Amino acid sequence: MRSRRTTLAVPGSNPRFIEKAQGLPADEIFLDLEDAVAPSAKEDARKTIVAALNEGDWSGKVRVVRINDLDTHWAYRDVIEVVEGAGANLDAIMLPKVRDAGHVRWLDRLLTQIERATGLPVGGIGIEAQIEDAQGLADVDAIAASSPRLETLVLGPGDLMASLNMKTLVVGEQPPGYSEGDAYHYILMRILVAARANDLQAIDGPYFNVRDVEAFERVARRSAALGFDGKWVLHPSQIEAGNAVFSPSQEDYDHAELILDAYDHYVNVEERGAATLGDEMIDEASRKMALVVAAKGRAAGLTRTKRFVPEGN
């Protein structure tokens, strides 16, 4: 899977922000045609995005465009103009306000038609589905299984909080008066389980107080602990913190690689029924858990600092 520890939102109508984003260390950049672009600027923003994708240096980054939602008259032209103009330099389309599986299937079919018409590899452009209201959350299992193009489920907290009538005006924070537990735990786990059941990534939504990096880290650690792959960032100040939170520590990464080596050696080479790493017993469940941490570390560019040595050597 592509690394998406941090997904930076960039207004598609702002060439200066787009140019700056190319040099920032976010794993993914999504050029926005929806909320960040005024209605009068949307058509010109498509042209700006096409030029930026074709002419910019996006090395090492996942390149995504968020189109307008399907209830608007902009959506189909967003897809056609962006993919026909820059499909070869585009990794995925983010579809906002997904309420049912039919939304994703519509985008899948349109992408297939454009790819065939323009000679692009069919299926090469992925889809990110944004869950933003109660209906989308209720149908998230069907959404997650709706298309082989689907790569991620993305939480859109602001609209979802409004859809649920949550008593708060601060996106990402606990609602006033909620003093026990986490008001978002069910929402996060609902999206995470649907994603994992369909081999998808799960991305947490943004934290709107962009100057409070400490609070951003606190909120990001919540979803990272559950198993989310990354989080939206709205400002460059959040990127370094987000990359760190959604990457394993060097110690954990080394330990995961050692578990994998030890399991392989003792089970497959020495053909033992049980494997150990020092005083630690290792089984198939240990191997699976280590695979997750090791994969995250490799995607983050970590390098091993410890090597496995079998007992007695």
Protein backbone atom coordinates (compact mmCIF):
# COMPACT_ATOMS: atom_id res chain seq x y z
CA MET A 1 0.00 0.00 0.00
CA ARG A 2 1.04 3.59 -0.54
CA SER A 3 2.25 5.43 2.55
CA ARG A 4 -0.33 7.95 3.73
CA ARG A 5 0.89 8.98 7.19
CA THR A 6 0.07 12.58 6.34
CA THR A 7 -2.35 13.76 3.67
CA LEU A 8 -1.95 17.48 3.01
CA ALA A 9 -4.97 19.40 1.74
CA VAL A 10 -4.06 22.09 -0.82
CA PRO A 11 -6.55 24.46 -2.52
CA GLY A 12 -6.58 23.69 -6.22
CA SER A 13 -7.09 27.35 -7.02
CA ASN A 14 -3.88 28.55 -5.36
CA PRO A 15 -0.77 28.05 -7.54
CA ARG A 16 1.54 29.36 -4.80
CA PHE A 17 0.31 26.83 -2.26
CA ILE A 18 0.49 24.05 -4.85
CA GLU A 19 4.10 24.88 -5.68
CA LYS A 20 5.05 25.01 -2.00
CA ALA A 21 3.38 21.66 -1.31
CA GLN A 22 5.74 19.89 -3.72
CA GLY A 23 8.65 20.53 -1.36
CA LEU A 24 6.89 19.52 1.86
CA PRO A 25 7.42 16.07 3.47
CA ALA A 26 3.76 14.97 3.45
CA ASP A 27 3.26 11.46 2.07
CA GLU A 28 0.18 12.48 0.08
CA ILE A 29 -0.91 15.77 -1.42
CA PHE A 30 -4.52 16.19 -2.42
CA LEU A 31 -5.36 19.12 -4.63
CA ASP A 32 -8.83 20.20 -3.65
CA LEU A 33 -11.66 21.19 -5.97
CA GLU A 34 -14.33 21.01 -3.28
CA ASP A 35 -14.55 22.99 -0.02
CA ALA A 36 -11.28 24.91 -0.46
CA VAL A 37 -12.33 26.41 -3.82
CA ALA A 38 -15.01 29.05 -4.30
CA PRO A 39 -17.79 28.18 -6.78
CA SER A 40 -16.67 30.89 -9.19
CA ALA A 41 -13.10 29.53 -9.21
CA LYS A 42 -13.76 25.82 -9.69
CA GLU A 43 -13.48 25.68 -13.48
CA ASP A 44 -10.18 27.57 -13.53
CA ALA A 45 -8.94 25.43 -10.63
CA ARG A 46 -9.27 22.31 -12.78
CA LYS A 47 -6.86 23.83 -15.31
CA THR A 48 -4.46 24.87 -12.54
CA ILE A 49 -4.46 21.34 -11.13
CA VAL A 50 -3.88 19.70 -14.52
CA ALA A 51 -0.90 21.97 -15.18
CA ALA A 52 0.51 21.34 -11.70
CA LEU A 53 0.24 17.55 -12.00
CA ASN A 54 1.88 17.54 -15.42
CA GLU A 55 4.60 20.11 -14.77
CA GLY A 56 5.33 19.83 -11.04
CA ASP A 57 7.83 17.64 -9.21
CA TRP A 58 5.78 15.27 -7.04
CA SER A 59 8.58 12.77 -6.43
CA GLY A 60 7.83 10.39 -3.57
CA LYS A 61 4.30 11.71 -3.04
CA VAL A 62 0.88 10.20 -3.60
CA ARG A 63 -0.94 12.55 -6.00
CA VAL A 64 -4.68 12.91 -5.37
CA VAL A 65 -7.42 15.28 -6.49
CA ARG A 66 -10.58 15.75 -4.45
CA ILE A 67 -13.53 16.40 -6.74
CA ASN A 68 -16.86 17.93 -5.80
CA ASP A 69 -19.56 15.64 -4.42
CA LEU A 70 -22.10 13.92 -6.64
CA ASP A 71 -24.95 16.20 -5.64
CA THR A 72 -23.25 19.09 -7.44
CA HIS A 73 -23.09 19.87 -11.15
CA TRP A 74 -19.28 20.08 -11.04
CA ALA A 75 -18.44 16.46 -10.22
CA TYR A 76 -18.50 14.79 -13.63
CA ARG A 77 -16.56 17.63 -15.29
CA ASP A 78 -14.01 17.51 -12.46
CA VAL A 79 -13.28 13.87 -13.26
CA ILE A 80 -13.28 14.24 -17.04
CA GLU A 81 -11.06 17.32 -17.22
CA VAL A 82 -8.56 16.22 -14.58
CA VAL A 83 -8.17 12.63 -15.75
CA GLU A 84 -8.16 13.42 -19.47
CA GLY A 85 -5.66 16.21 -18.83
CA ALA A 86 -3.35 14.62 -16.27
CA GLY A 87 -4.39 11.02 -15.70
CA ALA A 88 -0.88 9.72 -16.32
CA ASN A 89 0.33 11.82 -13.38
CA LEU A 90 -2.51 11.07 -10.97
CA ASP A 91 -2.64 8.30 -8.36
CA ALA A 92 -6.20 8.61 -7.04
CA ILE A 93 -9.43 10.59 -6.96
CA MET A 94 -10.91 11.47 -3.59
CA LEU A 95 -14.70 11.31 -3.62
CA PRO A 96 -16.32 13.37 -0.83
CA LYS A 97 -19.64 12.78 0.92
CA VAL A 98 -19.94 9.12 -0.07
CA ARG A 99 -23.32 7.94 1.19
CA ASP A 100 -23.65 4.55 -0.48
CA ALA A 101 -21.73 2.08 -2.62
CA GLY A 102 -23.35 3.41 -5.79
CA HIS A 103 -21.36 6.63 -5.48
CA VAL A 104 -18.08 4.75 -5.69
CA ARG A 105 -19.30 2.51 -8.51
CA TRP A 106 -20.29 5.62 -10.51
CA LEU A 107 -16.77 7.00 -10.21
CA ASP A 108 -15.21 3.62 -11.00
CA ARG A 109 -17.23 3.32 -14.22
CA LEU A 110 -16.46 6.88 -15.33
CA LEU A 111 -12.74 6.39 -14.68
CA THR A 112 -12.79 3.17 -16.70
CA GLN A 113 -14.44 4.94 -19.65
CA ILE A 114 -11.88 7.75 -19.59
CA GLU A 115 -8.93 5.38 -19.23
CA ARG A 116 -10.08 3.34 -22.23
CA ALA A 117 -10.70 6.46 -24.30
CA THR A 118 -7.30 7.99 -23.53
CA GLY A 119 -5.15 4.84 -23.53
CA LEU A 120 -4.42 4.90 -19.80
CA PRO A 121 -4.08 1.57 -17.95
CA VAL A 122 -7.58 0.51 -16.91
CA GLY A 123 -7.81 0.47 -13.13
CA GLY A 124 -4.63 2.45 -12.64
CA ILE A 125 -6.29 5.38 -10.89
CA GLY A 126 -7.42 4.61 -7.36
CA ILE A 127 -10.32 5.96 -5.32
CA GLU A 128 -10.42 7.41 -1.82
CA ALA A 129 -13.92 7.44 -0.30
CA GLN A 130 -14.72 10.11 2.27
CA ILE A 131 -17.27 9.16 4.94
CA GLU A 132 -18.99 12.36 6.05
CA ASP A 133 -22.50 11.70 7.31
CA ALA A 134 -24.66 9.24 9.21
CA GLN A 135 -25.87 7.50 6.05
CA GLY A 136 -22.34 6.95 4.80
CA LEU A 137 -21.25 5.57 8.16
CA ALA A 138 -24.25 3.23 8.29
CA ASP A 139 -23.41 1.91 4.80
CA VAL A 140 -19.63 1.86 5.25
CA ASP A 141 -19.28 -1.92 4.85
CA ALA A 142 -20.91 -1.88 1.42
CA ILE A 143 -18.91 1.21 0.46
CA ALA A 144 -15.66 -0.48 1.45
CA ALA A 145 -16.48 -3.47 -0.77
CA SER A 146 -17.77 -1.45 -3.72
CA SER A 147 -14.77 -1.28 -6.07
CA PRO A 148 -11.34 -2.84 -6.63
CA ARG A 149 -10.07 0.70 -7.21
CA LEU A 150 -10.85 1.70 -3.65
CA GLU A 151 -7.66 2.29 -1.63
CA THR A 152 -8.75 4.19 1.46
CA LEU A 153 -11.66 5.19 3.64
CA VAL A 154 -11.28 8.76 4.89
CA LEU A 155 -13.11 10.27 7.86
CA GLY A 156 -14.65 13.68 7.16
CA PRO A 157 -15.31 14.78 10.76
CA GLY A 158 -16.84 18.23 10.29
CA ASP A 159 -19.77 17.19 8.13
CA LEU A 160 -20.21 13.96 10.08
CA MET A 161 -20.37 15.83 13.40
CA ALA A 162 -23.02 18.13 11.91
CA SER A 163 -24.92 15.13 10.52
CA LEU A 164 -25.04 13.60 14.00
CA ASN A 165 -26.06 16.92 15.60
CA MET A 166 -22.98 16.85 17.82
CA LYS A 167 -22.89 19.76 20.22
CA THR A 168 -19.54 21.22 19.22
CA LEU A 169 -17.97 23.80 16.93
CA VAL A 170 -14.38 22.54 17.10
CA VAL A 171 -13.61 19.87 14.51
CA GLY A 172 -11.62 17.04 16.02
CA GLU A 173 -12.13 17.87 19.71
CA GLN A 174 -14.43 16.18 22.19
CA PRO A 175 -17.83 17.90 22.35
CA PRO A 176 -18.38 20.08 25.43
CA GLY A 177 -19.95 18.08 28.24
CA TYR A 178 -18.59 14.74 27.02
CA SER A 179 -16.33 13.84 29.92
CA GLU A 180 -16.23 10.04 29.78
CA GLY A 181 -14.37 8.10 27.11
CA ASP A 182 -14.04 9.24 23.50
CA ALA A 183 -17.04 10.56 21.55
CA TYR A 184 -15.40 9.45 18.27
CA HIS A 185 -14.34 5.94 19.24
CA TYR A 186 -17.28 4.18 17.58
CA ILE A 187 -16.94 6.26 14.43
CA LEU A 188 -13.23 5.56 14.13
CA MET A 189 -13.59 1.83 14.80
CA ARG A 190 -16.54 1.51 12.42
CA ILE A 191 -14.47 2.95 9.59
CA LEU A 192 -11.34 1.01 10.58
CA VAL A 193 -13.06 -2.37 10.70
CA ALA A 194 -14.74 -1.82 7.32
CA ALA A 195 -11.40 -0.79 5.83
CA ARG A 196 -9.44 -3.72 7.20
CA ALA A 197 -12.11 -6.25 6.21
CA ASN A 198 -11.56 -5.13 2.62
CA ASP A 199 -7.76 -4.61 2.70
CA LEU A 200 -8.07 -0.82 2.61
CA GLN A 201 -6.25 1.93 4.43
CA ALA A 202 -8.03 4.12 6.98
CA ILE A 203 -7.26 7.84 7.21
CA ASP A 204 -8.34 10.07 10.09
CA GLY A 205 -9.77 13.50 9.36
CA PRO A 206 -8.20 16.90 9.99
CA TYR A 207 -7.71 18.86 13.20
CA PHE A 208 -8.73 22.44 12.52
CA ASN A 209 -6.71 24.32 15.14
CA VAL A 210 -3.62 24.32 12.94
CA ARG A 211 -1.43 26.34 15.30
CA ASP A 212 -1.82 23.95 18.23
CA VAL A 213 0.56 21.18 17.21
CA GLU A 214 0.50 19.62 20.67
CA ALA A 215 -3.28 19.18 20.46
CA PHE A 216 -2.93 17.81 16.92
CA GLU A 217 -0.46 15.19 18.20
CA ARG A 218 -2.81 14.23 21.03
CA VAL A 219 -5.70 13.68 18.64
CA ALA A 220 -3.52 11.89 16.08
CA ARG A 221 -2.19 9.47 18.70
CA ARG A 222 -5.78 8.39 19.37
CA SER A 223 -6.41 7.12 15.85
CA ALA A 224 -2.84 5.86 15.40
CA ALA A 225 -3.22 3.70 18.51
CA LEU A 226 -6.35 2.12 17.04
CA GLY A 227 -4.51 1.27 13.83
CA PHE A 228 -5.26 4.11 11.41
CA ASP A 229 -2.68 4.60 8.68
CA GLY A 230 -2.55 8.38 8.69
CA LYS A 231 -4.30 11.70 9.14
CA TRP A 232 -5.18 14.78 7.14
CA VAL A 233 -3.03 17.80 7.75
CA LEU A 234 -4.14 21.32 6.97
CA HIS A 235 -0.91 23.19 7.61
CA PRO A 236 2.81 22.45 7.10
CA SER A 237 3.34 22.70 10.88
CA GLN A 238 1.33 19.49 11.34
CA ILE A 239 3.29 17.35 8.87
CA GLU A 240 6.35 16.46 10.92
CA ALA A 241 4.22 15.60 13.95
CA GLY A 242 1.84 13.49 11.85
CA ASN A 243 4.64 11.55 10.16
CA ALA A 244 6.15 10.76 13.56
CA VAL A 245 2.86 9.70 15.18
CA PHE A 246 1.95 7.31 12.35
CA SER A 247 5.43 5.77 12.11
CA PRO A 248 6.70 3.11 14.51
CA SER A 249 9.57 4.05 16.77
CA GLN A 250 13.01 2.80 15.78
CA GLU A 251 12.92 0.39 18.71
CA ASP A 252 9.54 -1.05 17.73
CA TYR A 253 10.55 -1.32 14.09
CA ASP A 254 13.76 -3.18 14.93
CA HIS A 255 11.86 -5.48 17.27
CA ALA A 256 9.28 -6.29 14.59
CA GLU A 257 11.97 -7.19 12.06
CA LEU A 258 13.69 -9.39 14.65
CA ILE A 259 10.42 -11.22 15.35
CA LEU A 260 9.99 -11.93 11.64
CA ASP A 261 13.56 -13.19 11.32
CA ALA A 262 13.32 -15.35 14.43
CA TYR A 263 10.00 -16.86 13.42
CA ASP A 264 11.27 -17.69 9.95
CA HIS A 265 14.49 -19.21 11.26
CA TYR A 266 13.10 -21.41 14.03
CA VAL A 267 9.92 -22.52 12.25
CA ASN A 268 11.13 -22.87 8.66
CA VAL A 269 14.87 -23.53 9.00
CA GLU A 270 15.18 -25.46 12.26
CA GLU A 271 11.59 -26.73 11.90
CA ARG A 272 10.75 -26.20 15.54
CA GLY A 273 7.19 -26.14 16.75
CA ALA A 274 7.80 -22.97 18.73
CA ALA A 275 9.95 -19.93 18.18
CA THR A 276 11.61 -17.62 20.68
CA LEU A 277 13.34 -14.26 20.67
CA GLY A 278 15.32 -14.01 23.89
CA ASP A 279 12.77 -14.66 26.63
CA GLU A 280 9.83 -13.92 24.32
CA MET A 281 7.67 -16.67 22.86
CA ILE A 282 6.68 -16.10 19.23
CA ASP A 283 3.76 -17.63 17.36
CA GLU A 284 1.78 -16.98 14.19
CA ALA A 285 -0.13 -14.14 15.83
CA SER A 286 3.19 -12.54 16.81
CA ARG A 287 4.34 -12.79 13.20
CA LYS A 288 1.18 -11.11 11.90
CA MET A 289 1.49 -8.25 14.39
CA ALA A 290 5.15 -7.82 13.51
CA LEU A 291 4.31 -7.69 9.80
CA VAL A 292 2.08 -4.67 10.43
CA VAL A 293 4.74 -2.73 12.34
CA ALA A 294 7.53 -3.73 9.94
CA ALA A 295 5.47 -2.64 6.92
CA LYS A 296 4.76 0.75 8.49
CA GLY A 297 8.45 1.17 9.29
CA ARG A 298 9.57 0.29 5.79
CA ALA A 299 6.99 2.64 4.28
CA ALA A 300 8.29 5.38 6.56
CA GLY A 301 11.83 4.80 5.29
CA LEU A 302 13.24 3.41 8.56
CA THR A 303 16.45 1.37 8.41
CA ARG A 304 17.22 -1.57 10.69
CA THR A 305 19.79 -1.07 13.39
CA LYS A 306 19.71 -4.61 14.82
CA ARG A 307 20.29 -8.01 13.20
CA PHE A 308 18.93 -11.40 14.24
CA VAL A 309 21.47 -13.92 15.55
CA PRO A 310 20.18 -17.46 16.26
CA GLU A 311 20.79 -18.83 19.72
CA GLY A 312 24.18 -20.53 20.04
CA ASN A 313 25.77 -18.46 17.24
